[in-house]
Each structure stands twice: as C-alpha cells, then as structure tokens.
C-alpha cells in the first residue's frame, strides 16, 4: 500500500461533543517533537481543531487516542 503524502509517526483520533448540539471526530497523523508529551499533542490538537471550529472550544472530550503509526 503506497500513500502519496508522508504520514506522521503517530495516529490520533479526537472526538468532541457539544451536548444536544453536535458531535464530531477528527483523525489523522502527527509527528511530535522529541520533548513533546501526550498532553502536549492533545493541547496542540484541541487548538488545531478549534482554530477551524471555534464552537468546539468548550466541547466535552468523549474520546482521545494517540498511538504509534507503525504496525
């Protein structure tokens, strides 16, 4: 299987919920810096998501996973 674009070292899934309004899931890959923690990546992803969707800034997190992208 060949991808045209390079992938990050980690795969993430982030699901946010605005109760009674909307729920959405974002997924993709990211390459953290060598000193970054799981929390750093979580904060980065929340900021990334809410830059495009400010209504999700105060949404509840219903799921967050960050795993190595290697099999």
PDB file of N, CA and C in Angstrom:
ATOM      1  N   UNK A   1       0.851  -1.172   0.000  1.00  0.00           N
ATOM      2  CA  UNK A   1       0.000   0.000   0.000  1.00  0.00           C
ATOM      3  C   UNK A   1       0.895   1.232   0.000  1.00  0.00           C
ATOM      4  N   UNK A   2       0.700   2.077  -0.964  1.00  0.00           N
ATOM      5  CA  UNK A   2       1.531   3.267  -1.129  1.00  0.00           C
ATOM      6  C   UNK A   2       0.687   4.524  -0.958  1.00  0.00           C
ATOM      7  N   UNK A   3       1.111   5.429  -0.091  1.00  0.00           N
ATOM      8  CA  UNK A   3       0.427   6.710   0.081  1.00  0.00           C
ATOM      9  C   UNK A   3       1.206   7.787  -0.643  1.00  0.00           C
ATOM     10  N   UNK A   4       0.490   8.750  -1.191  1.00  0.00           N
ATOM     11  CA  UNK A   4       1.139   9.838  -1.905  1.00  0.00           C
ATOM     12  C   UNK A   4       1.756  10.860  -0.959  1.00  0.00           C
ATOM     13  N   UNK A   5       1.135  11.071   0.200  1.00  0.00           N
ATOM     14  CA  UNK A   5       1.648  12.039   1.165  1.00  0.00           C
ATOM     15  C   UNK A   5       2.299  11.298   2.337  1.00  0.00           C
ATOM     16  N   UNK A   6       3.416  11.828   2.848  1.00  0.00           N
ATOM     17  CA  UNK A   6       4.032  11.184   4.013  1.00  0.00           C
ATOM     18  C   UNK A   6       3.121  11.289   5.238  1.00  0.00           C
ATOM     19  N   UNK A   7       3.179  10.277   6.072  1.00  0.00           N
ATOM     20  CA  UNK A   7       2.374  10.247   7.287  1.00  0.00           C
ATOM     21  C   UNK A   7       3.242  10.569   8.499  1.00  0.00           C
ATOM     22  N   UNK A   8       2.582  11.034   9.568  1.00  0.00           N
ATOM     23  CA  UNK A   8       3.286  11.296  10.814  1.00  0.00           C
ATOM     24  C   UNK A   8       3.618  10.001  11.540  1.00  0.00           C
ATOM     25  N   UNK A   9       4.382  10.131  12.592  1.00  0.00           N
ATOM     26  CA  UNK A   9       4.807   8.959  13.356  1.00  0.00           C
ATOM     27  C   UNK A   9       3.714   8.421  14.263  1.00  0.00           C
ATOM     28  N   UNK A  10       2.677   9.237  14.525  1.00  0.00           N
ATOM     29  CA  UNK A  10       1.592   8.834  15.417  1.00  0.00           C
ATOM     30  C   UNK A  10       0.242   9.095  14.759  1.00  0.00           C
ATOM     31  N   UNK A  11      -0.706   8.210  15.044  1.00  0.00           N
ATOM     32  CA  UNK A  11      -2.072   8.354  14.557  1.00  0.00           C
ATOM     33  C   UNK A  11      -2.940   8.809  15.725  1.00  0.00           C
ATOM     34  N   UNK A  12      -3.853   9.739  15.470  1.00  0.00           N
ATOM     35  CA  UNK A  12      -4.735  10.226  16.537  1.00  0.00           C
ATOM     36  C   UNK A  12      -6.191  10.150  16.120  1.00  0.00           C
ATOM     37  N   UNK A  13      -7.047  10.047  17.128  1.00  0.00           N
ATOM     38  CA  UNK A  13      -8.495  10.159  16.976  1.00  0.00           C
ATOM     39  C   UNK A  13      -8.969  11.045  18.120  1.00  0.00           C
ATOM     40  N   UNK A  14      -9.714  12.089  17.812  1.00  0.00           N
ATOM     41  CA  UNK A  14     -10.226  13.019  18.812  1.00  0.00           C
ATOM     42  C   UNK A  14     -11.705  13.256  18.531  1.00  0.00           C
ATOM     43  N   UNK A  15     -12.544  12.930  19.510  1.00  0.00           N
ATOM     44  CA  UNK A  15     -13.981  13.148  19.380  1.00  0.00           C
ATOM     45  C   UNK A  15     -14.427  14.157  20.423  1.00  0.00           C
ATOM     46  N   UNK A  16     -15.112  15.197  19.971  1.00  0.00           N
ATOM     47  CA  UNK A  16     -15.613  16.253  20.845  1.00  0.00           C
ATOM     48  C   UNK A  16     -17.131  16.318  20.739  1.00  0.00           C
ATOM     49  N   UNK A  17     -17.767  16.678  21.848  1.00  0.00           N
ATOM     50  CA  UNK A  17     -19.226  16.703  21.911  1.00  0.00           C
ATOM     51  C   UNK A  17     -19.722  18.019  22.484  1.00  0.00           C
ATOM     52  N   UNK A  18     -20.646  18.627  21.760  1.00  0.00           N
ATOM     53  CA  UNK A  18     -21.397  19.764  22.271  1.00  0.00           C
ATOM     54  C   UNK A  18     -22.777  19.203  22.604  1.00  0.00           C
ATOM     55  N   UNK A  19     -23.014  18.869  23.866  1.00  0.00           N
ATOM     56  CA  UNK A  19     -24.247  18.151  24.231  1.00  0.00           C
ATOM     57  C   UNK A  19     -25.509  18.807  23.677  1.00  0.00           C
ATOM     58  N   UNK A  20     -26.312  17.962  23.044  1.00  0.00           N
ATOM     59  CA  UNK A  20     -27.565  18.431  22.480  1.00  0.00           C
ATOM     60  C   UNK A  20     -27.420  19.192  21.183  1.00  0.00           C
ATOM     61  N   UNK A  21     -26.179  19.395  20.730  1.00  0.00           N
ATOM     62  CA  UNK A  21     -25.962  20.181  19.514  1.00  0.00           C
ATOM     63  C   UNK A  21     -25.243  19.393  18.430  1.00  0.00           C
ATOM     64  N   UNK A  22     -24.025  18.956  18.735  1.00  0.00           N
ATOM     65  CA  UNK A  22     -23.214  18.334  17.688  1.00  0.00           C
ATOM     66  C   UNK A  22     -22.079  17.539  18.313  1.00  0.00           C
ATOM     67  N   UNK A  23     -21.714  16.450  17.635  1.00  0.00           N
ATOM     68  CA  UNK A  23     -20.537  15.670  17.990  1.00  0.00           C
ATOM     69  C   UNK A  23     -19.726  15.492  16.713  1.00  0.00           C
ATOM     70  N   UNK A  24     -18.394  15.567  16.837  1.00  0.00           N
ATOM     71  CA  UNK A  24     -17.542  15.419  15.658  1.00  0.00           C
ATOM     72  C   UNK A  24     -16.261  14.699  16.036  1.00  0.00           C
ATOM     73  N   UNK A  25     -15.693  14.001  15.051  1.00  0.00           N
ATOM     74  CA  UNK A  25     -14.443  13.259  15.247  1.00  0.00           C
ATOM     75  C   UNK A  25     -13.427  13.715  14.219  1.00  0.00           C
ATOM     76  N   UNK A  26     -12.208  13.932  14.667  1.00  0.00           N
ATOM     77  CA  UNK A  26     -11.082  14.259  13.811  1.00  0.00           C
ATOM     78  C   UNK A  26     -10.071  13.138  13.925  1.00  0.00           C
ATOM     79  N   UNK A  27      -9.443  12.797  12.821  1.00  0.00           N
ATOM     80  CA  UNK A  27      -8.444  11.742  12.807  1.00  0.00           C
ATOM     81  C   UNK A  27      -7.335  12.118  11.833  1.00  0.00           C
ATOM     82  N   UNK A  28      -6.147  11.655  12.100  1.00  0.00           N
ATOM     83  CA  UNK A  28      -5.028  11.960  11.225  1.00  0.00           C
ATOM     84  C   UNK A  28      -3.729  11.486  11.834  1.00  0.00           C
ATOM     85  N   UNK A  29      -2.635  12.005  11.300  1.00  0.00           N
ATOM     86  CA  UNK A  29      -1.324  11.658  11.838  1.00  0.00           C
ATOM     87  C   UNK A  29      -0.576  12.931  12.199  1.00  0.00           C
ATOM     88  N   UNK A  30       0.360  12.772  13.102  1.00  0.00           N
ATOM     89  CA  UNK A  30       1.159  13.888  13.599  1.00  0.00           C
ATOM     90  C   UNK A  30       2.520  13.342  14.011  1.00  0.00           C
ATOM     91  N   UNK A  31       3.537  14.174  13.923  1.00  0.00           N
ATOM     92  CA  UNK A  31       4.864  13.791  14.401  1.00  0.00           C
ATOM     93  C   UNK A  31       5.249  14.729  15.536  1.00  0.00           C
ATOM     94  N   UNK A  32       5.146  14.244  16.781  1.00  0.00           N
ATOM     95  CA  UNK A  32       5.504  15.090  17.927  1.00  0.00           C
ATOM     96  C   UNK A  32       7.006  15.368  17.956  1.00  0.00           C
ATOM     97  N   UNK A  33       7.363  16.464  18.609  1.00  0.00           N
ATOM     98  CA  UNK A  33       8.773  16.747  18.839  1.00  0.00           C
ATOM     99  C   UNK A  33       9.352  15.773  19.855  1.00  0.00           C
ATOM    100  N   UNK A  34      10.643  15.682  19.916  1.00  0.00           N
ATOM    101  CA  UNK A  34      11.284  14.700  20.809  1.00  0.00           C
ATOM    102  C   UNK A  34      10.986  14.965  22.281  1.00  0.00           C
ATOM    103  N   UNK A  35      10.711  16.203  22.653  1.00  0.00           N
ATOM    104  CA  UNK A  35      10.419  16.523  24.058  1.00  0.00           C
ATOM    105  C   UNK A  35       8.919  16.622  24.336  1.00  0.00           C
ATOM    106  N   UNK A  36       8.084  16.466  23.307  1.00  0.00           N
ATOM    107  CA  UNK A  36       6.637  16.580  23.486  1.00  0.00           C
ATOM    108  C   UNK A  36       6.075  15.401  24.269  1.00  0.00           C
ATOM    109  N   UNK A  37       5.062  15.688  25.059  1.00  0.00           N
ATOM    110  CA  UNK A  37       4.362  14.654  25.811  1.00  0.00           C
ATOM    111  C   UNK A  37       3.012  14.378  25.144  1.00  0.00           C
ATOM    112  N   UNK A  38       2.340  13.348  25.626  1.00  0.00           N
ATOM    113  CA  UNK A  38       0.997  13.039  25.135  1.00  0.00           C
ATOM    114  C   UNK A  38       0.074  14.240  25.353  1.00  0.00           C
ATOM    115  N   UNK A  39       0.209  14.904  26.515  1.00  0.00           N
ATOM    116  CA  UNK A  39      -0.589  16.086  26.824  1.00  0.00           C
ATOM    117  C   UNK A  39      -0.303  17.220  25.838  1.00  0.00           C
ATOM    118  N   UNK A  40       0.966  17.416  25.491  1.00  0.00           N
ATOM    119  CA  UNK A  40       1.327  18.454  24.519  1.00  0.00           C
ATOM    120  C   UNK A  40       0.617  18.232  23.189  1.00  0.00           C
ATOM    121  N   UNK A  41       0.576  16.991  22.737  1.00  0.00           N
ATOM    122  CA  UNK A  41      -0.091  16.671  21.473  1.00  0.00           C
ATOM    123  C   UNK A  41      -1.596  16.903  21.606  1.00  0.00           C
ATOM    124  N   UNK A  42      -2.174  16.509  22.732  1.00  0.00           N
ATOM    125  CA  UNK A  42      -3.597  16.735  22.986  1.00  0.00           C
ATOM    126  C   UNK A  42      -3.933  18.228  22.901  1.00  0.00           C
ATOM    127  N   UNK A  43      -3.161  19.071  23.573  1.00  0.00           N
ATOM    128  CA  UNK A  43      -3.395  20.522  23.555  1.00  0.00           C
ATOM    129  C   UNK A  43      -3.226  21.067  22.137  1.00  0.00           C
ATOM    130  N   UNK A  44      -2.199  20.611  21.437  1.00  0.00           N
ATOM    131  CA  UNK A  44      -1.980  21.032  20.053  1.00  0.00           C
ATOM    132  C   UNK A  44      -3.191  20.689  19.186  1.00  0.00           C
ATOM    133  N   UNK A  45      -3.708  19.474  19.317  1.00  0.00           N
ATOM    134  CA  UNK A  45      -4.840  19.049  18.506  1.00  0.00           C
ATOM    135  C   UNK A  45      -6.105  19.834  18.844  1.00  0.00           C
ATOM    136  N   UNK A  46      -6.338  20.083  20.126  1.00  0.00           N
ATOM    137  CA  UNK A  46      -7.508  20.896  20.513  1.00  0.00           C
ATOM    138  C   UNK A  46      -7.423  22.287  19.889  1.00  0.00           C
ATOM    139  N   UNK A  47      -6.245  22.893  19.934  1.00  0.00           N
ATOM    140  CA  UNK A  47      -6.066  24.221  19.337  1.00  0.00           C
ATOM    141  C   UNK A  47      -6.241  24.174  17.828  1.00  0.00           C
ATOM    142  N   UNK A  48      -5.721  23.132  17.203  1.00  0.00           N
ATOM    143  CA  UNK A  48      -5.838  22.968  15.761  1.00  0.00           C
ATOM    144  C   UNK A  48      -7.304  22.840  15.346  1.00  0.00           C
ATOM    145  N   UNK A  49      -8.038  22.016  16.054  1.00  0.00           N
ATOM    146  CA  UNK A  49      -9.458  21.785  15.753  1.00  0.00           C
ATOM    147  C   UNK A  49     -10.268  23.057  15.963  1.00  0.00           C
ATOM    148  N   UNK A  50     -10.051  23.717  17.080  1.00  0.00           N
ATOM    149  CA  UNK A  50     -10.876  24.890  17.402  1.00  0.00           C
ATOM    150  C   UNK A  50     -10.486  26.127  16.589  1.00  0.00           C
ATOM    151  N   UNK A  51      -9.331  26.104  15.949  1.00  0.00           N
ATOM    152  CA  UNK A  51      -8.988  27.200  15.040  1.00  0.00           C
ATOM    153  C   UNK A  51      -9.961  27.217  13.860  1.00  0.00           C
ATOM    154  N   UNK A  52     -10.343  26.024  13.403  1.00  0.00           N
ATOM    155  CA  UNK A  52     -11.304  25.912  12.304  1.00  0.00           C
ATOM    156  C   UNK A  52     -12.748  25.885  12.783  1.00  0.00           C
ATOM    157  N   UNK A  53     -12.951  25.392  13.998  1.00  0.00           N
ATOM    158  CA  UNK A  53     -14.304  25.242  14.552  1.00  0.00           C
ATOM    159  C   UNK A  53     -14.360  25.826  15.958  1.00  0.00           C
ATOM    160  N   UNK A  54     -14.379  27.154  16.109  1.00  0.00           N
ATOM    161  CA  UNK A  54     -14.344  27.793  17.425  1.00  0.00           C
ATOM    162  C   UNK A  54     -15.477  27.358  18.344  1.00  0.00           C
ATOM    163  N   UNK A  55     -16.588  26.908  17.779  1.00  0.00           N
ATOM    164  CA  UNK A  55     -17.699  26.454  18.605  1.00  0.00           C
ATOM    165  C   UNK A  55     -17.328  25.235  19.446  1.00  0.00           C
ATOM    166  N   UNK A  56     -16.285  24.511  19.068  1.00  0.00           N
ATOM    167  CA  UNK A  56     -15.855  23.332  19.818  1.00  0.00           C
ATOM    168  C   UNK A  56     -14.825  23.653  20.916  1.00  0.00           C
ATOM    169  N   UNK A  57     -14.507  24.913  21.128  1.00  0.00           N
ATOM    170  CA  UNK A  57     -13.501  25.288  22.122  1.00  0.00           C
ATOM    171  C   UNK A  57     -13.856  24.814  23.530  1.00  0.00           C
ATOM    172  N   UNK A  58     -15.144  24.793  23.847  1.00  0.00           N
ATOM    173  CA  UNK A  58     -15.570  24.361  25.191  1.00  0.00           C
ATOM    174  C   UNK A  58     -16.305  23.018  25.160  1.00  0.00           C
ATOM    175  N   UNK A  59     -16.093  22.265  24.092  1.00  0.00           N
ATOM    176  CA  UNK A  59     -16.760  20.971  23.946  1.00  0.00           C
ATOM    177  C   UNK A  59     -16.180  19.939  24.905  1.00  0.00           C
ATOM    178  N   UNK A  60     -16.982  18.942  25.213  1.00  0.00           N
ATOM    179  CA  UNK A  60     -16.531  17.816  26.033  1.00  0.00           C
ATOM    180  C   UNK A  60     -15.745  16.838  25.166  1.00  0.00           C
ATOM    181  N   UNK A  61     -14.657  16.332  25.711  1.00  0.00           N
ATOM    182  CA  UNK A  61     -13.888  15.300  25.017  1.00  0.00           C
ATOM    183  C   UNK A  61     -14.525  13.957  25.352  1.00  0.00           C
ATOM    184  N   UNK A  62     -14.978  13.256  24.337  1.00  0.00           N
ATOM    185  CA  UNK A  62     -15.557  11.934  24.579  1.00  0.00           C
ATOM    186  C   UNK A  62     -14.590  10.821  24.224  1.00  0.00           C
ATOM    187  N   UNK A  63     -13.573  11.135  23.397  1.00  0.00           N
ATOM    188  CA  UNK A  63     -12.576  10.126  23.059  1.00  0.00           C
ATOM    189  C   UNK A  63     -11.310  10.805  22.587  1.00  0.00           C
ATOM    190  N   UNK A  64     -10.166  10.297  23.048  1.00  0.00           N
ATOM    191  CA  UNK A  64      -8.868  10.746  22.546  1.00  0.00           C
ATOM    192  C   UNK A  64      -7.927   9.552  22.555  1.00  0.00           C
ATOM    193  N   UNK A  65      -7.318   9.283  21.407  1.00  0.00           N
ATOM    194  CA  UNK A  65      -6.321   8.217  21.312  1.00  0.00           C
ATOM    195  C   UNK A  65      -5.136   8.742  20.515  1.00  0.00           C
ATOM    196  N   UNK A  66      -3.956   8.383  20.960  1.00  0.00           N
ATOM    197  CA  UNK A  66      -2.725   8.725  20.272  1.00  0.00           C
ATOM    198  C   UNK A  66      -1.827   7.495  20.338  1.00  0.00           C
ATOM    199  N   UNK A  67      -1.570   6.916  19.193  1.00  0.00           N
ATOM    200  CA  UNK A  67      -0.806   5.663  19.130  1.00  0.00           C
ATOM    201  C   UNK A  67       0.291   5.781  18.087  1.00  0.00           C
ATOM    202  N   UNK A  68       1.300   4.950  18.231  1.00  0.00           N
ATOM    203  CA  UNK A  68       2.330   4.864  17.213  1.00  0.00           C
ATOM    204  C   UNK A  68       1.684   4.510  15.880  1.00  0.00           C
ATOM    205  N   UNK A  69       2.132   5.120  14.815  1.00  0.00           N
ATOM    206  CA  UNK A  69       1.562   4.864  13.488  1.00  0.00           C
ATOM    207  C   UNK A  69       2.210   3.662  12.812  1.00  0.00           C
ATOM    208  N   UNK A  70       3.138   3.029  13.469  1.00  0.00           N
ATOM    209  CA  UNK A  70       3.805   1.845  12.908  1.00  0.00           C
ATOM    210  C   UNK A  70       3.044   0.582  13.308  1.00  0.00           C
ATOM    211  N   UNK A  71       3.055  -0.388  12.435  1.00  0.00           N
ATOM    212  CA  UNK A  71       2.444  -1.685  12.732  1.00  0.00           C
ATOM    213  C   UNK A  71       3.486  -2.635  13.282  1.00  0.00           C
TER     214      UNK A  71
END
